């Protein structure tokens, strides 16, 4: 598809490493005939700038197109990265005029964050509410949108969903849990890193439900320390499987 942006990216990606080779070849076969330079340093500068700008979109497309791992928990990461990327380039002298309408289209679809992606993000044990708060703060900086109420709404909705589940399946779950060992031993301690670098504390919601105030499996998960393991081998589904005795309601 010669008119698609990803085709342009791939073309430039394979071209630019051979910049010097192409320049010599074109000067040899073109400049000698016409006396003019076909490709100048300015042309290469434009090509490199466009390559750098498109790279993030290509990487996001590839990662979110995966089929052998959950992609929903990754959406907020990429929404934040793209929002930052567009803000960085919106005043660029070369491509700013193209970035502004891109940012408007981005806001059209992603200014209101879908609840599904927020809950999926929180159910990643590396994120939880602390990471969710941090992502919303970053998004606010990049988009000038206030997400403070959205934080409260998502936590309330997550609690409502869990309460509904608990009402319907709680008795069966507790019966199953009583037949299992009450503790899990032999678990290898995971390595931790500071999420996003600054260790900001989570801003708690202004209100809490009665269900939360009594304590629950959900609260235990949300308030516990995040898992600091960010390598590509980490598997969210495997983590929940390993911790099924700690969080049997999952």
Protein backbone atom coordinates (compact mmCIF):
# COMPACT_ATOMS: atom_id res chain seq x y z
CA UNK A 1 0.00 0.00 0.00
CA UNK A 2 2.09 2.89 -1.29
CA UNK A 3 -0.20 5.54 0.25
CA UNK A 4 -0.32 4.16 3.80
CA UNK A 5 1.73 5.80 6.54
CA UNK A 6 3.16 2.48 7.70
CA UNK A 7 4.41 1.78 4.17
CA UNK A 8 6.16 5.15 4.23
CA UNK A 9 7.70 4.30 7.59
CA UNK A 10 9.02 0.93 6.44
CA UNK A 11 10.38 2.45 3.23
CA UNK A 12 12.29 5.14 5.16
CA UNK A 13 13.44 2.64 7.78
CA UNK A 14 15.16 0.56 5.11
CA UNK A 15 16.41 3.56 3.15
CA UNK A 16 18.07 5.83 5.71
CA UNK A 17 20.76 3.35 6.89
CA UNK A 18 22.07 3.47 3.30
CA UNK A 19 21.99 7.25 3.06
CA UNK A 20 25.63 7.66 2.07
CA UNK A 21 25.43 4.86 -0.50
CA UNK A 22 22.37 6.33 -2.18
CA UNK A 23 23.82 9.84 -2.12
CA UNK A 24 27.02 8.73 -3.86
CA UNK A 25 25.11 6.66 -6.41
CA UNK A 26 22.66 9.46 -7.26
CA UNK A 27 25.38 12.11 -7.45
CA UNK A 28 27.39 9.86 -9.72
CA UNK A 29 24.56 9.05 -12.11
CA UNK A 30 22.44 12.19 -11.89
CA UNK A 31 24.55 15.20 -10.97
CA UNK A 32 27.09 14.52 -13.67
CA UNK A 33 24.31 14.68 -16.27
CA UNK A 34 22.20 17.60 -15.00
CA UNK A 35 24.69 19.47 -12.86
CA UNK A 36 22.14 19.53 -10.02
CA UNK A 37 21.98 17.68 -6.72
CA UNK A 38 18.88 15.47 -6.54
CA UNK A 39 19.07 14.65 -2.82
CA UNK A 40 20.36 17.37 -0.47
CA UNK A 41 21.03 17.25 3.25
CA UNK A 42 17.69 19.01 3.74
CA UNK A 43 15.90 16.15 2.00
CA UNK A 44 17.57 13.61 4.27
CA UNK A 45 16.72 15.74 7.32
CA UNK A 46 13.03 15.67 6.36
CA UNK A 47 13.15 11.90 5.81
CA UNK A 48 14.80 11.28 9.18
CA UNK A 49 12.34 13.56 10.99
CA UNK A 50 9.33 11.76 9.48
CA UNK A 51 10.86 8.37 10.28
CA UNK A 52 11.37 9.35 13.91
CA UNK A 53 7.83 10.72 14.17
CA UNK A 54 6.16 7.63 12.68
CA UNK A 55 8.19 5.10 14.65
CA UNK A 56 6.07 5.29 17.81
CA UNK A 57 2.84 4.74 15.86
CA UNK A 58 4.33 1.72 14.13
CA UNK A 59 5.58 0.20 17.40
CA UNK A 60 2.18 0.73 19.04
CA UNK A 61 0.38 -0.85 16.09
CA UNK A 62 2.60 -3.93 16.23
CA UNK A 63 2.32 -4.40 19.99
CA UNK A 64 -1.46 -3.89 20.13
CA UNK A 65 -1.94 -6.31 17.24
CA UNK A 66 -0.53 -9.20 19.27
CA UNK A 67 -2.57 -12.38 19.58
CA UNK A 68 -0.63 -14.44 22.14
CA UNK A 69 -0.86 -12.01 25.06
CA UNK A 70 -3.54 -9.67 26.50
CA UNK A 71 -3.50 -6.30 24.75
CA UNK A 72 -6.25 -4.48 26.68
CA UNK A 73 -3.95 -3.75 29.69
CA UNK A 74 -1.50 -2.07 27.29
CA UNK A 75 -3.93 0.45 25.84
CA UNK A 76 -3.46 3.18 28.47
CA UNK A 77 0.31 2.90 28.13
CA UNK A 78 0.09 3.57 24.41
CA UNK A 79 -2.61 6.25 24.72
CA UNK A 80 -0.31 8.11 27.10
CA UNK A 81 2.74 7.64 24.87
CA UNK A 82 0.90 8.88 21.79
CA UNK A 83 -0.55 11.88 23.66
CA UNK A 84 2.96 12.85 24.78
CA UNK A 85 4.31 12.30 21.27
CA UNK A 86 1.72 14.56 19.66
CA UNK A 87 2.26 17.28 22.26
CA UNK A 88 6.01 17.16 21.61
CA UNK A 89 5.62 17.60 17.86
CA UNK A 90 2.62 19.94 17.65
CA UNK A 91 4.87 23.03 17.47
CA UNK A 92 7.50 21.47 15.24
CA UNK A 93 8.41 23.78 12.34
CA UNK A 94 8.51 20.95 9.84
CA UNK A 95 5.52 18.73 10.65
CA UNK A 96 3.52 20.74 13.21
CA UNK A 97 0.89 21.63 10.60
CA UNK A 98 0.18 17.91 10.14
CA UNK A 99 0.32 17.04 13.85
CA UNK A 100 -2.41 19.49 14.91
CA UNK A 101 -5.23 17.74 12.97
CA UNK A 102 -3.82 14.39 14.12
CA UNK A 103 -4.14 15.55 17.71
CA UNK A 104 -7.73 16.66 17.10
CA UNK A 105 -8.59 13.24 15.67
CA UNK A 106 -6.83 11.57 18.61
CA UNK A 107 -8.97 13.56 21.07
CA UNK A 108 -12.10 12.60 19.18
CA UNK A 109 -11.56 8.93 19.94
CA UNK A 110 -9.46 8.86 23.12
CA UNK A 111 -10.22 11.97 25.18
CA UNK A 112 -12.89 9.87 26.92
CA UNK A 113 -11.05 6.76 28.05
CA UNK A 114 -13.11 3.55 27.67
CA UNK A 115 -13.85 1.94 31.03
CA UNK A 116 -12.78 -1.48 29.77
CA UNK A 117 -9.21 -0.36 29.14
CA UNK A 118 -9.00 1.35 32.53
CA UNK A 119 -10.11 -1.77 34.41
CA UNK A 120 -7.79 -3.97 32.33
CA UNK A 121 -4.91 -1.62 33.19
CA UNK A 122 -5.71 -1.80 36.92
CA UNK A 123 -5.90 -5.61 36.83
CA UNK A 124 -2.29 -5.65 35.65
CA UNK A 125 -0.51 -6.31 39.00
CA UNK A 126 2.30 -3.97 37.91
CA UNK A 127 -0.13 -1.06 37.79
CA UNK A 128 -3.15 -1.26 40.13
CA UNK A 129 -4.60 2.03 41.42
CA UNK A 130 -1.23 3.64 42.03
CA UNK A 131 -0.19 3.17 38.42
CA UNK A 132 -3.64 4.21 37.22
CA UNK A 133 -3.37 7.46 39.14
CA UNK A 134 0.07 8.11 37.66
CA UNK A 135 -1.10 7.46 34.09
CA UNK A 136 -4.07 9.80 34.52
CA UNK A 137 -1.78 12.53 35.88
CA UNK A 138 0.51 12.14 32.87
CA UNK A 139 -2.43 12.20 30.47
CA UNK A 140 -3.66 15.40 32.10
CA UNK A 141 -0.27 17.01 31.47
CA UNK A 142 -0.21 15.94 27.83
CA UNK A 143 -3.86 16.71 26.99
CA UNK A 144 -4.89 19.45 29.47
CA UNK A 145 -7.87 17.27 30.47
CA UNK A 146 -8.81 16.85 34.15
CA UNK A 147 -9.20 13.14 34.93
CA UNK A 148 -9.55 13.43 38.71
CA UNK A 149 -13.26 12.57 38.70
CA UNK A 150 -12.64 9.75 36.27
CA UNK A 151 -10.31 8.12 38.80
CA UNK A 152 -13.10 8.06 41.39
CA UNK A 153 -15.65 6.83 38.87
CA UNK A 154 -13.48 3.94 37.70
CA UNK A 155 -12.78 2.74 41.22
CA UNK A 156 -16.47 2.96 42.13
CA UNK A 157 -17.46 1.06 38.98
CA UNK A 158 -14.83 -1.60 39.59
CA UNK A 159 -16.16 -2.05 43.13
CA UNK A 160 -19.74 -2.23 41.85
CA UNK A 161 -18.81 -4.95 39.36
CA UNK A 162 -16.98 -6.94 42.04
CA UNK A 163 -19.91 -6.61 44.46
CA UNK A 164 -22.25 -7.90 41.77
CA UNK A 165 -19.95 -10.84 41.19
CA UNK A 166 -19.63 -11.47 44.94
CA UNK A 167 -23.41 -11.47 45.38
CA UNK A 168 -23.87 -14.05 42.64
CA UNK A 169 -20.88 -16.33 43.19
CA UNK A 170 -19.60 -15.50 46.68
CA UNK A 171 -21.05 -18.55 48.44
CA UNK A 172 -19.64 -20.94 45.87
CA UNK A 173 -16.26 -19.22 45.95
CA UNK A 174 -15.98 -19.37 49.74
CA UNK A 175 -16.90 -23.05 49.75
CA UNK A 176 -14.18 -23.74 47.21
CA UNK A 177 -11.69 -21.61 49.12
CA UNK A 178 -12.31 -23.47 52.40
CA UNK A 179 -11.27 -26.71 50.72
CA UNK A 180 -7.87 -25.28 49.75
CA UNK A 181 -4.80 -24.44 51.80
CA UNK A 182 -5.04 -21.06 53.47
CA UNK A 183 -1.52 -19.97 52.57
CA UNK A 184 0.84 -20.16 49.65
CA UNK A 185 4.51 -20.94 50.22
CA UNK A 186 7.55 -21.18 48.05
CA UNK A 187 6.74 -18.16 45.93
CA UNK A 188 9.78 -16.45 44.49
CA UNK A 189 9.98 -12.78 45.37
CA UNK A 190 9.61 -10.59 42.28
CA UNK A 191 12.10 -7.86 41.48
CA UNK A 192 10.78 -4.34 41.90
CA UNK A 193 11.45 -1.06 40.16
CA UNK A 194 9.89 2.32 40.69
CA UNK A 195 6.91 2.62 38.39
CA UNK A 196 7.39 5.54 36.02
CA UNK A 197 10.34 6.76 38.02
CA UNK A 198 9.16 9.23 40.65
CA UNK A 199 7.35 7.11 43.23
CA UNK A 200 4.29 9.35 43.36
CA UNK A 201 1.67 8.20 45.80
CA UNK A 202 -1.82 7.39 44.63
CA UNK A 203 -4.52 9.99 45.20
CA UNK A 204 -7.36 8.18 46.92
CA UNK A 205 -10.94 8.69 45.77
CA UNK A 206 -12.99 11.19 47.69
CA UNK A 207 -15.64 8.62 48.53
CA UNK A 208 -15.66 4.92 49.32
CA UNK A 209 -18.42 2.37 49.27
CA UNK A 210 -19.61 0.47 52.31
CA UNK A 211 -18.32 -2.68 50.70
CA UNK A 212 -14.82 -1.23 50.49
CA UNK A 213 -14.88 0.06 54.06
CA UNK A 214 -15.49 -3.48 55.32
CA UNK A 215 -12.48 -4.79 53.45
CA UNK A 216 -12.58 -7.25 50.60
CA UNK A 217 -10.51 -9.28 48.23
CA UNK A 218 -10.69 -6.41 45.74
CA UNK A 219 -9.40 -3.84 48.24
CA UNK A 220 -6.61 -6.20 49.26
CA UNK A 221 -5.48 -6.36 45.64
CA UNK A 222 -5.84 -2.64 44.91
CA UNK A 223 -4.01 -1.51 48.05
CA UNK A 224 -1.17 -4.05 47.94
CA UNK A 225 2.24 -3.21 46.51
CA UNK A 226 2.57 -3.34 42.74
CA UNK A 227 4.69 -6.00 41.06
CA UNK A 228 7.90 -4.42 39.79
CA UNK A 229 8.70 -6.70 36.89
CA UNK A 230 8.62 -4.98 33.52
CA UNK A 231 10.45 -7.36 31.19
CA UNK A 232 8.78 -8.76 28.09
CA UNK A 233 8.51 -12.24 29.62
CA UNK A 234 6.05 -11.15 32.31
CA UNK A 235 2.65 -12.77 31.68
CA UNK A 236 -0.39 -11.23 33.37
CA UNK A 237 -2.56 -14.32 32.98
CA UNK A 238 0.14 -16.54 34.48
CA UNK A 239 0.44 -14.16 37.44
CA UNK A 240 -3.26 -14.43 38.19
CA UNK A 241 -3.08 -18.21 37.84
CA UNK A 242 -0.20 -18.41 40.32
CA UNK A 243 -2.03 -16.15 42.80
CA UNK A 244 -5.43 -17.84 42.48
CA UNK A 245 -5.39 -18.87 46.17
CA UNK A 246 -4.69 -15.33 47.31
CA UNK A 247 -7.34 -13.89 44.99
CA UNK A 248 -9.78 -16.78 44.44
CA UNK A 249 -12.50 -14.44 43.16
CA UNK A 250 -10.60 -13.65 39.96
